[in-house]
Structures are given as C-alpha cells and as structure tokens.
Amino acid sequence: MTTTEAAWTELLEQVNDATKVLQRSSVVPESVVQLVDSFEPALHAATPMRLRADPYLTTALFAAAYRAEKALRHDNAEERRRDLRVAMEQ
C-alpha cells in the first residue's frame, strides 16, 4: 500500500491550515476536530506496516496523530486547544 505524494502534501496543507486556525482561536473549531478524526484513514493506521515511507517520518507522524487524538479528550477547553496545537505543530 502506498500513499501518493499528492495525498501526503494535501494532508500536510490541511494540518498547516488547521494550525493557523488554532493560533487565532480560543477553542478548538469543529473543522479541526474533523481533520483529526480523519487521520486514521488518511494515515492507513489499520495497516501501518504496509506503508512505503521513511520509517522515522512515519513514526513521528503517528506519534503526532496520537497526541492530537489524545488532546481532544481534555475536558478543559484551554488545555485541549494548547495540547492539540502542540501536536499539530510536531
């Protein structure tokens, strides 16, 4: 299973856009929540060993996606936004 360069580029652009939105927002907008929810299929998380990509980069990418998912679970809106922003910038 390969992910095309165009797909990775599009995901990166979406993450960069979401990061900019988080910089200006006091809460996590629903559009950013939806982007984080889309990481699992976008990253082929069910079959990570089948990805043909640099192992170091995919490890960092999966760690950031995990942290983003975890950040969404904060009850405190400020901590949620802060931790999500850090994960998205990772």
PDB file of N, CA and C in Angstrom:
ATOM      1  N   MET A   1       0.847  -1.169   0.000  1.00  0.00           N
ATOM      2  CA  MET A   1       0.000   0.000   0.000  1.00  0.00           C
ATOM      3  C   MET A   1       0.897   1.239   0.000  1.00  0.00           C
ATOM      4  N   THR A   2       0.658   2.098  -0.915  1.00  0.00           N
ATOM      5  CA  THR A   2       1.407   3.336  -0.962  1.00  0.00           C
ATOM      6  C   THR A   2       0.452   4.512  -0.901  1.00  0.00           C
ATOM      7  N   THR A   3       0.930   5.545  -0.284  1.00  0.00           N
ATOM      8  CA  THR A   3       0.188   6.794  -0.274  1.00  0.00           C
ATOM      9  C   THR A   3       0.920   7.720  -1.216  1.00  0.00           C
ATOM     10  N   THR A   4       0.199   8.328  -2.102  1.00  0.00           N
ATOM     11  CA  THR A   4       0.844   9.169  -3.094  1.00  0.00           C
ATOM     12  C   THR A   4       1.401  10.429  -2.448  1.00  0.00           C
ATOM     13  N   GLU A   5       2.381  10.988  -3.119  1.00  0.00           N
ATOM     14  CA  GLU A   5       2.967  12.231  -2.641  1.00  0.00           C
ATOM     15  C   GLU A   5       1.910  13.329  -2.583  1.00  0.00           C
ATOM     16  N   ALA A   6       1.002  13.317  -3.531  1.00  0.00           N
ATOM     17  CA  ALA A   6      -0.073  14.320  -3.556  1.00  0.00           C
ATOM     18  C   ALA A   6      -0.960  14.194  -2.322  1.00  0.00           C
ATOM     19  N   ALA A   7      -1.247  12.956  -1.894  1.00  0.00           N
ATOM     20  CA  ALA A   7      -2.081  12.745  -0.705  1.00  0.00           C
ATOM     21  C   ALA A   7      -1.372  13.250   0.549  1.00  0.00           C
ATOM     22  N   TRP A   8      -0.073  12.968   0.666  1.00  0.00           N
ATOM     23  CA  TRP A   8       0.697  13.449   1.818  1.00  0.00           C
ATOM     24  C   TRP A   8       0.757  14.977   1.809  1.00  0.00           C
ATOM     25  N   THR A   9       0.949  15.551   0.627  1.00  0.00           N
ATOM     26  CA  THR A   9       1.021  17.007   0.502  1.00  0.00           C
ATOM     27  C   THR A   9      -0.301  17.643   0.896  1.00  0.00           C
ATOM     28  N   GLU A  10      -1.396  17.066   0.450  1.00  0.00           N
ATOM     29  CA  GLU A  10      -2.723  17.596   0.799  1.00  0.00           C
ATOM     30  C   GLU A  10      -2.964  17.517   2.304  1.00  0.00           C
ATOM     31  N   LEU A  11      -2.594  16.390   2.922  1.00  0.00           N
ATOM     32  CA  LEU A  11      -2.760  16.253   4.369  1.00  0.00           C
ATOM     33  C   LEU A  11      -1.912  17.281   5.105  1.00  0.00           C
ATOM     34  N   LEU A  12      -0.682  17.479   4.659  1.00  0.00           N
ATOM     35  CA  LEU A  12       0.195  18.469   5.284  1.00  0.00           C
ATOM     36  C   LEU A  12      -0.400  19.872   5.168  1.00  0.00           C
ATOM     37  N   GLU A  13      -0.945  20.205   4.021  1.00  0.00           N
ATOM     38  CA  GLU A  13      -1.571  21.513   3.843  1.00  0.00           C
ATOM     39  C   GLU A  13      -2.767  21.677   4.771  1.00  0.00           C
ATOM     40  N   GLN A  14      -3.555  20.622   4.929  1.00  0.00           N
ATOM     41  CA  GLN A  14      -4.705  20.679   5.829  1.00  0.00           C
ATOM     42  C   GLN A  14      -4.257  20.870   7.279  1.00  0.00           C
ATOM     43  N   VAL A  15      -3.203  20.169   7.671  1.00  0.00           N
ATOM     44  CA  VAL A  15      -2.677  20.312   9.036  1.00  0.00           C
ATOM     45  C   VAL A  15      -2.130  21.719   9.242  1.00  0.00           C
ATOM     46  N   ASN A  16      -1.408  22.253   8.263  1.00  0.00           N
ATOM     47  CA  ASN A  16      -0.885  23.619   8.372  1.00  0.00           C
ATOM     48  C   ASN A  16      -2.013  24.635   8.483  1.00  0.00           C
ATOM     49  N   ASP A  17      -3.059  24.460   7.691  1.00  0.00           N
ATOM     50  CA  ASP A  17      -4.214  25.357   7.771  1.00  0.00           C
ATOM     51  C   ASP A  17      -4.885  25.266   9.138  1.00  0.00           C
ATOM     52  N   ALA A  18      -5.035  24.051   9.641  1.00  0.00           N
ATOM     53  CA  ALA A  18      -5.658  23.857  10.952  1.00  0.00           C
ATOM     54  C   ALA A  18      -4.821  24.487  12.058  1.00  0.00           C
ATOM     55  N   THR A  19      -3.511  24.397  11.929  1.00  0.00           N
ATOM     56  CA  THR A  19      -2.622  25.005  12.917  1.00  0.00           C
ATOM     57  C   THR A  19      -2.805  26.518  12.939  1.00  0.00           C
ATOM     58  N   LYS A  20      -2.938  27.122  11.772  1.00  0.00           N
ATOM     59  CA  LYS A  20      -3.171  28.567  11.694  1.00  0.00           C
ATOM     60  C   LYS A  20      -4.505  28.942  12.336  1.00  0.00           C
ATOM     61  N   VAL A  21      -5.514  28.111  12.113  1.00  0.00           N
ATOM     62  CA  VAL A  21      -6.825  28.360  12.728  1.00  0.00           C
ATOM     63  C   VAL A  21      -6.705  28.278  14.248  1.00  0.00           C
ATOM     64  N   LEU A  22      -5.984  27.284  14.739  1.00  0.00           N
ATOM     65  CA  LEU A  22      -5.803  27.135  16.188  1.00  0.00           C
ATOM     66  C   LEU A  22      -5.045  28.306  16.801  1.00  0.00           C
ATOM     67  N   GLN A  23      -4.119  28.880  16.053  1.00  0.00           N
ATOM     68  CA  GLN A  23      -3.363  30.034  16.552  1.00  0.00           C
ATOM     69  C   GLN A  23      -4.273  31.221  16.817  1.00  0.00           C
ATOM     70  N   ARG A  24      -5.340  31.354  16.031  1.00  0.00           N
ATOM     71  CA  ARG A  24      -6.238  32.511  16.139  1.00  0.00           C
ATOM     72  C   ARG A  24      -7.485  32.228  16.979  1.00  0.00           C
ATOM     73  N   SER A  25      -7.706  31.001  17.347  1.00  0.00           N
ATOM     74  CA  SER A  25      -8.939  30.625  18.017  1.00  0.00           C
ATOM     75  C   SER A  25      -8.708  30.369  19.503  1.00  0.00           C
ATOM     76  N   SER A  26      -9.714  30.665  20.299  1.00  0.00           N
ATOM     77  CA  SER A  26      -9.606  30.401  21.740  1.00  0.00           C
ATOM     78  C   SER A  26     -10.115  29.000  22.090  1.00  0.00           C
ATOM     79  N   VAL A  27     -10.792  28.355  21.159  1.00  0.00           N
ATOM     80  CA  VAL A  27     -11.292  26.988  21.331  1.00  0.00           C
ATOM     81  C   VAL A  27     -10.913  26.175  20.100  1.00  0.00           C
ATOM     82  N   VAL A  28     -11.151  24.875  20.174  1.00  0.00           N
ATOM     83  CA  VAL A  28     -10.870  24.011  19.028  1.00  0.00           C
ATOM     84  C   VAL A  28     -12.099  24.007  18.115  1.00  0.00           C
ATOM     85  N   PRO A  29     -11.970  24.569  16.918  1.00  0.00           N
ATOM     86  CA  PRO A  29     -13.104  24.581  15.987  1.00  0.00           C
ATOM     87  C   PRO A  29     -13.469  23.178  15.521  1.00  0.00           C
ATOM     88  N   GLU A  30     -14.722  22.980  15.172  1.00  0.00           N
ATOM     89  CA  GLU A  30     -15.205  21.681  14.725  1.00  0.00           C
ATOM     90  C   GLU A  30     -14.457  21.201  13.469  1.00  0.00           C
ATOM     91  N   SER A  31     -14.043  22.119  12.610  1.00  0.00           N
ATOM     92  CA  SER A  31     -13.306  21.726  11.402  1.00  0.00           C
ATOM     93  C   SER A  31     -11.977  21.059  11.749  1.00  0.00           C
ATOM     94  N   VAL A  32     -11.346  21.514  12.826  1.00  0.00           N
ATOM     95  CA  VAL A  32     -10.080  20.921  13.256  1.00  0.00           C
ATOM     96  C   VAL A  32     -10.333  19.550  13.882  1.00  0.00           C
ATOM     97  N   VAL A  33     -11.407  19.433  14.645  1.00  0.00           N
ATOM     98  CA  VAL A  33     -11.781  18.131  15.220  1.00  0.00           C
ATOM     99  C   VAL A  33     -12.008  17.121  14.097  1.00  0.00           C
ATOM    100  N   GLN A  34     -12.711  17.534  13.055  1.00  0.00           N
ATOM    101  CA  GLN A  34     -12.978  16.635  11.921  1.00  0.00           C
ATOM    102  C   GLN A  34     -11.688  16.228  11.215  1.00  0.00           C
ATOM    103  N   LEU A  35     -10.749  17.155  11.099  1.00  0.00           N
ATOM    104  CA  LEU A  35      -9.462  16.817  10.477  1.00  0.00           C
ATOM    105  C   LEU A  35      -8.740  15.758  11.301  1.00  0.00           C
ATOM    106  N   VAL A  36      -8.686  15.950  12.615  1.00  0.00           N
ATOM    107  CA  VAL A  36      -8.027  14.967  13.485  1.00  0.00           C
ATOM    108  C   VAL A  36      -8.726  13.616  13.375  1.00  0.00           C
ATOM    109  N   ASP A  37     -10.045  13.625  13.319  1.00  0.00           N
ATOM    110  CA  ASP A  37     -10.791  12.370  13.165  1.00  0.00           C
ATOM    111  C   ASP A  37     -10.483  11.684  11.834  1.00  0.00           C
ATOM    112  N   SER A  38     -10.038  12.429  10.846  1.00  0.00           N
ATOM    113  CA  SER A  38      -9.731  11.842   9.536  1.00  0.00           C
ATOM    114  C   SER A  38      -8.322  11.258   9.465  1.00  0.00           C
ATOM    115  N   PHE A  39      -7.515  11.434  10.508  1.00  0.00           N
ATOM    116  CA  PHE A  39      -6.138  10.934  10.471  1.00  0.00           C
ATOM    117  C   PHE A  39      -6.068   9.417  10.304  1.00  0.00           C
ATOM    118  N   GLU A  40      -6.931   8.689  10.990  1.00  0.00           N
ATOM    119  CA  GLU A  40      -6.860   7.224  10.948  1.00  0.00           C
ATOM    120  C   GLU A  40      -6.955   6.697   9.518  1.00  0.00           C
ATOM    121  N   PRO A  41      -7.973   7.054   8.749  1.00  0.00           N
ATOM    122  CA  PRO A  41      -7.988   6.542   7.369  1.00  0.00           C
ATOM    123  C   PRO A  41      -6.922   7.186   6.478  1.00  0.00           C
ATOM    124  N   ALA A  42      -6.627   8.460   6.703  1.00  0.00           N
ATOM    125  CA  ALA A  42      -5.633   9.146   5.864  1.00  0.00           C
ATOM    126  C   ALA A  42      -4.243   8.547   6.033  1.00  0.00           C
ATOM    127  N   LEU A  43      -3.949   8.089   7.247  1.00  0.00           N
ATOM    128  CA  LEU A  43      -2.628   7.525   7.530  1.00  0.00           C
ATOM    129  C   LEU A  43      -2.598   6.001   7.403  1.00  0.00           C
ATOM    130  N   HIS A  44      -3.719   5.422   7.018  1.00  0.00           N
ATOM    131  CA  HIS A  44      -3.811   3.961   6.919  1.00  0.00           C
ATOM    132  C   HIS A  44      -3.378   3.322   8.236  1.00  0.00           C
ATOM    133  N   ALA A  45      -3.905   3.847   9.329  1.00  0.00           N
ATOM    134  CA  ALA A  45      -3.491   3.420  10.666  1.00  0.00           C
ATOM    135  C   ALA A  45      -3.783   1.944  10.942  1.00  0.00           C
ATOM    136  N   ALA A  46      -4.739   1.381  10.254  1.00  0.00           N
ATOM    137  CA  ALA A  46      -5.054  -0.032  10.462  1.00  0.00           C
ATOM    138  C   ALA A  46      -3.951  -0.949   9.937  1.00  0.00           C
ATOM    139  N   THR A  47      -3.166  -0.456   8.999  1.00  0.00           N
ATOM    140  CA  THR A  47      -2.107  -1.277   8.399  1.00  0.00           C
ATOM    141  C   THR A  47      -0.813  -0.474   8.249  1.00  0.00           C
ATOM    142  N   PRO A  48      -0.265   0.035   9.343  1.00  0.00           N
ATOM    143  CA  PRO A  48       0.912   0.907   9.232  1.00  0.00           C
ATOM    144  C   PRO A  48       2.163   0.217   8.688  1.00  0.00           C
ATOM    145  N   MET A  49       2.274  -1.089   8.877  1.00  0.00           N
ATOM    146  CA  MET A  49       3.468  -1.795   8.410  1.00  0.00           C
ATOM    147  C   MET A  49       3.489  -1.940   6.890  1.00  0.00           C
ATOM    148  N   ARG A  50       2.375  -1.650   6.242  1.00  0.00           N
ATOM    149  CA  ARG A  50       2.312  -1.767   4.793  1.00  0.00           C
ATOM    150  C   ARG A  50       2.655  -0.457   4.088  1.00  0.00           C
ATOM    151  N   LEU A  51       2.833   0.602   4.858  1.00  0.00           N
ATOM    152  CA  LEU A  51       3.180   1.889   4.253  1.00  0.00           C
ATOM    153  C   LEU A  51       4.583   1.831   3.690  1.00  0.00           C
ATOM    154  N   ARG A  52       4.761   2.455   2.556  1.00  0.00           N
ATOM    155  CA  ARG A  52       6.096   2.562   1.965  1.00  0.00           C
ATOM    156  C   ARG A  52       6.543   4.002   2.113  1.00  0.00           C
ATOM    157  N   ALA A  53       7.141   4.262   3.248  1.00  0.00           N
ATOM    158  CA  ALA A  53       7.604   5.613   3.558  1.00  0.00           C
ATOM    159  C   ALA A  53       8.749   5.503   4.546  1.00  0.00           C
ATOM    160  N   ASP A  54       9.440   6.596   4.743  1.00  0.00           N
ATOM    161  CA  ASP A  54      10.552   6.650   5.678  1.00  0.00           C
ATOM    162  C   ASP A  54      10.059   6.265   7.079  1.00  0.00           C
ATOM    163  N   PRO A  55      10.621   5.239   7.681  1.00  0.00           N
ATOM    164  CA  PRO A  55      10.151   4.787   8.997  1.00  0.00           C
ATOM    165  C   PRO A  55      10.265   5.866  10.081  1.00  0.00           C
ATOM    166  N   TYR A  56      11.312   6.666  10.043  1.00  0.00           N
ATOM    167  CA  TYR A  56      11.472   7.721  11.034  1.00  0.00           C
ATOM    168  C   TYR A  56      10.336   8.735  10.907  1.00  0.00           C
ATOM    169  N   LEU A  57      10.044   9.136   9.686  1.00  0.00           N
ATOM    170  CA  LEU A  57       8.987  10.137   9.476  1.00  0.00           C
ATOM    171  C   LEU A  57       7.612   9.590   9.823  1.00  0.00           C
ATOM    172  N   THR A  58       7.347   8.344   9.465  1.00  0.00           N
ATOM    173  CA  THR A  58       6.037   7.786   9.790  1.00  0.00           C
ATOM    174  C   THR A  58       5.878   7.601  11.295  1.00  0.00           C
ATOM    175  N   THR A  59       6.949   7.261  11.995  1.00  0.00           N
ATOM    176  CA  THR A  59       6.882   7.150  13.451  1.00  0.00           C
ATOM    177  C   THR A  59       6.552   8.499  14.066  1.00  0.00           C
ATOM    178  N   ALA A  60       7.205   9.555  13.602  1.00  0.00           N
ATOM    179  CA  ALA A  60       6.924  10.899  14.111  1.00  0.00           C
ATOM    180  C   ALA A  60       5.498  11.323  13.771  1.00  0.00           C
ATOM    181  N   LEU A  61       5.050  10.976  12.581  1.00  0.00           N
ATOM    182  CA  LEU A  61       3.704  11.321  12.141  1.00  0.00           C
ATOM    183  C   LEU A  61       2.644  10.614  12.985  1.00  0.00           C
ATOM    184  N   PHE A  62       2.835   9.316  13.226  1.00  0.00           N
ATOM    185  CA  PHE A  62       1.882   8.579  14.043  1.00  0.00           C
ATOM    186  C   PHE A  62       1.884   9.079  15.488  1.00  0.00           C
ATOM    187  N   ALA A  63       3.046   9.454  16.010  1.00  0.00           N
ATOM    188  CA  ALA A  63       3.110   9.996  17.369  1.00  0.00           C
ATOM    189  C   ALA A  63       2.338  11.304  17.464  1.00  0.00           C
ATOM    190  N   ALA A  64       2.490  12.159  16.477  1.00  0.00           N
ATOM    191  CA  ALA A  64       1.770  13.439  16.466  1.00  0.00           C
ATOM    192  C   ALA A  64       0.269  13.212  16.327  1.00  0.00           C
ATOM    193  N   ALA A  65      -0.133  12.276  15.479  1.00  0.00           N
ATOM    194  CA  ALA A  65      -1.559  11.971  15.312  1.00  0.00           C
ATOM    195  C   ALA A  65      -2.145  11.426  16.613  1.00  0.00           C
ATOM    196  N   TYR A  66      -1.396  10.589  17.301  1.00  0.00           N
ATOM    197  CA  TYR A  66      -1.845  10.049  18.585  1.00  0.00           C
ATOM    198  C   TYR A  66      -2.011  11.172  19.606  1.00  0.00           C
ATOM    199  N   ARG A  67      -1.042  12.057  19.666  1.00  0.00           N
ATOM    200  CA  ARG A  67      -1.131  13.179  20.608  1.00  0.00           C
ATOM    201  C   ARG A  67      -2.306  14.086  20.278  1.00  0.00           C
ATOM    202  N   ALA A  68      -2.586  14.279  19.008  1.00  0.00           N
ATOM    203  CA  ALA A  68      -3.729  15.100  18.599  1.00  0.00           C
ATOM    204  C   ALA A  68      -5.035  14.449  19.048  1.00  0.00           C
ATOM    205  N   GLU A  69      -5.151  13.155  18.829  1.00  0.00           N
ATOM    206  CA  GLU A  69      -6.349  12.435  19.272  1.00  0.00           C
ATOM    207  C   GLU A  69      -6.513  12.544  20.792  1.00  0.00           C
ATOM    208  N   LYS A  70      -5.423  12.375  21.500  1.00  0.00           N
ATOM    209  CA  LYS A  70      -5.458  12.440  22.967  1.00  0.00           C
ATOM    210  C   LYS A  70      -5.829  13.844  23.441  1.00  0.00           C
ATOM    211  N   ALA A  71      -5.340  14.857  22.768  1.00  0.00           N
ATOM    212  CA  ALA A  71      -5.621  16.242  23.160  1.00  0.00           C
ATOM    213  C   ALA A  71      -7.110  16.552  23.096  1.00  0.00           C
ATOM    214  N   LEU A  72      -7.800  15.943  22.160  1.00  0.00           N
ATOM    215  CA  LEU A  72      -9.234  16.190  22.015  1.00  0.00           C
ATOM    216  C   LEU A  72     -10.039  15.689  23.209  1.00  0.00           C
ATOM    217  N   ARG A  73      -9.444  14.888  24.060  1.00  0.00           N
ATOM    218  CA  ARG A  73     -10.153  14.310  25.204  1.00  0.00           C
ATOM    219  C   ARG A  73     -10.117  15.192  26.449  1.00  0.00           C
ATOM    220  N   HIS A  74      -9.372  16.278  26.405  1.00  0.00           N
ATOM    221  CA  HIS A  74      -9.321  17.173  27.562  1.00  0.00           C
ATOM    222  C   HIS A  74     -10.698  17.761  27.843  1.00  0.00           C
ATOM    223  N   ASP A  75     -11.055  17.816  29.106  1.00  0.00           N
ATOM    224  CA  ASP A  75     -12.301  18.484  29.491  1.00  0.00           C
ATOM    225  C   ASP A  75     -12.129  19.994  29.488  1.00  0.00           C
ATOM    226  N   ASN A  76     -10.927  20.438  29.804  1.00  0.00           N
ATOM    227  CA  ASN A  76     -10.618  21.864  29.851  1.00  0.00           C
ATOM    228  C   ASN A  76     -10.339  22.354  28.424  1.00  0.00           C
ATOM    229  N   ALA A  77     -11.150  23.325  27.965  1.00  0.00           N
ATOM    230  CA  ALA A  77     -11.038  23.812  26.581  1.00  0.00           C
ATOM    231  C   ALA A  77      -9.676  24.435  26.285  1.00  0.00           C
ATOM    232  N   GLU A  78      -9.105  25.135  27.259  1.00  0.00           N
ATOM    233  CA  GLU A  78      -7.801  25.778  27.049  1.00  0.00           C
ATOM    234  C   GLU A  78      -6.694  24.733  26.885  1.00  0.00           C
ATOM    235  N   GLU A  79      -6.712  23.715  27.751  1.00  0.00           N
ATOM    236  CA  GLU A  79      -5.714  22.646  27.649  1.00  0.00           C
ATOM    237  C   GLU A  79      -5.907  21.851  26.346  1.00  0.00           C
ATOM    238  N   ARG A  80      -7.157  21.653  25.972  1.00  0.00           N
ATOM    239  CA  ARG A  80      -7.472  20.938  24.741  1.00  0.00           C
ATOM    240  C   ARG A  80      -6.853  21.653  23.545  1.00  0.00           C
ATOM    241  N   ARG A  81      -7.084  22.953  23.452  1.00  0.00           N
ATOM    242  CA  ARG A  81      -6.556  23.749  22.353  1.00  0.00           C
ATOM    243  C   ARG A  81      -5.031  23.773  22.365  1.00  0.00           C
ATOM    244  N   ARG A  82      -4.452  24.005  23.542  1.00  0.00           N
ATOM    245  CA  ARG A  82      -2.992  24.083  23.654  1.00  0.00           C
ATOM    246  C   ARG A  82      -2.324  22.774  23.251  1.00  0.00           C
ATOM    247  N   ASP A  83      -2.793  21.668  23.813  1.00  0.00           N
ATOM    248  CA  ASP A  83      -2.174  20.375  23.509  1.00  0.00           C
ATOM    249  C   ASP A  83      -2.390  19.964  22.055  1.00  0.00           C
ATOM    250  N   LEU A  84      -3.542  20.302  21.504  1.00  0.00           N
ATOM    251  CA  LEU A  84      -3.795  19.988  20.098  1.00  0.00           C
ATOM    252  C   LEU A  84      -2.872  20.808  19.205  1.00  0.00           C
ATOM    253  N   ARG A  85      -2.701  22.059  19.540  1.00  0.00           N
ATOM    254  CA  ARG A  85      -1.811  22.913  18.737  1.00  0.00           C
ATOM    255  C   ARG A  85      -0.383  22.381  18.765  1.00  0.00           C
ATOM    256  N   VAL A  86       0.101  21.971  19.930  1.00  0.00           N
ATOM    257  CA  VAL A  86       1.456  21.407  20.037  1.00  0.00           C
ATOM    258  C   VAL A  86       1.563  20.140  19.185  1.00  0.00           C
ATOM    259  N   ALA A  87       0.552  19.290  19.254  1.00  0.00           N
ATOM    260  CA  ALA A  87       0.573  18.044  18.471  1.00  0.00           C
ATOM    261  C   ALA A  87       0.565  18.334  16.978  1.00  0.00           C
ATOM    262  N   MET A  88      -0.222  19.303  16.560  1.00  0.00           N
ATOM    263  CA  MET A  88      -0.321  19.633  15.133  1.00  0.00           C
ATOM    264  C   MET A  88       0.977  20.259  14.613  1.00  0.00           C
ATOM    265  N   GLU A  89       1.702  20.934  15.479  1.00  0.00           N
ATOM    266  CA  GLU A  89       2.950  21.577  15.061  1.00  0.00           C
ATOM    267  C   GLU A  89       4.133  20.630  15.121  1.00  0.00           C
ATOM    268  N   GLN A  90       3.932  19.451  15.695  1.00  0.00           N
ATOM    269  CA  GLN A  90       5.018  18.495  15.881  1.00  0.00           C
ATOM    270  C   GLN A  90       5.583  18.006  14.580  1.00  0.00           C
TER     271      GLN A  90
END
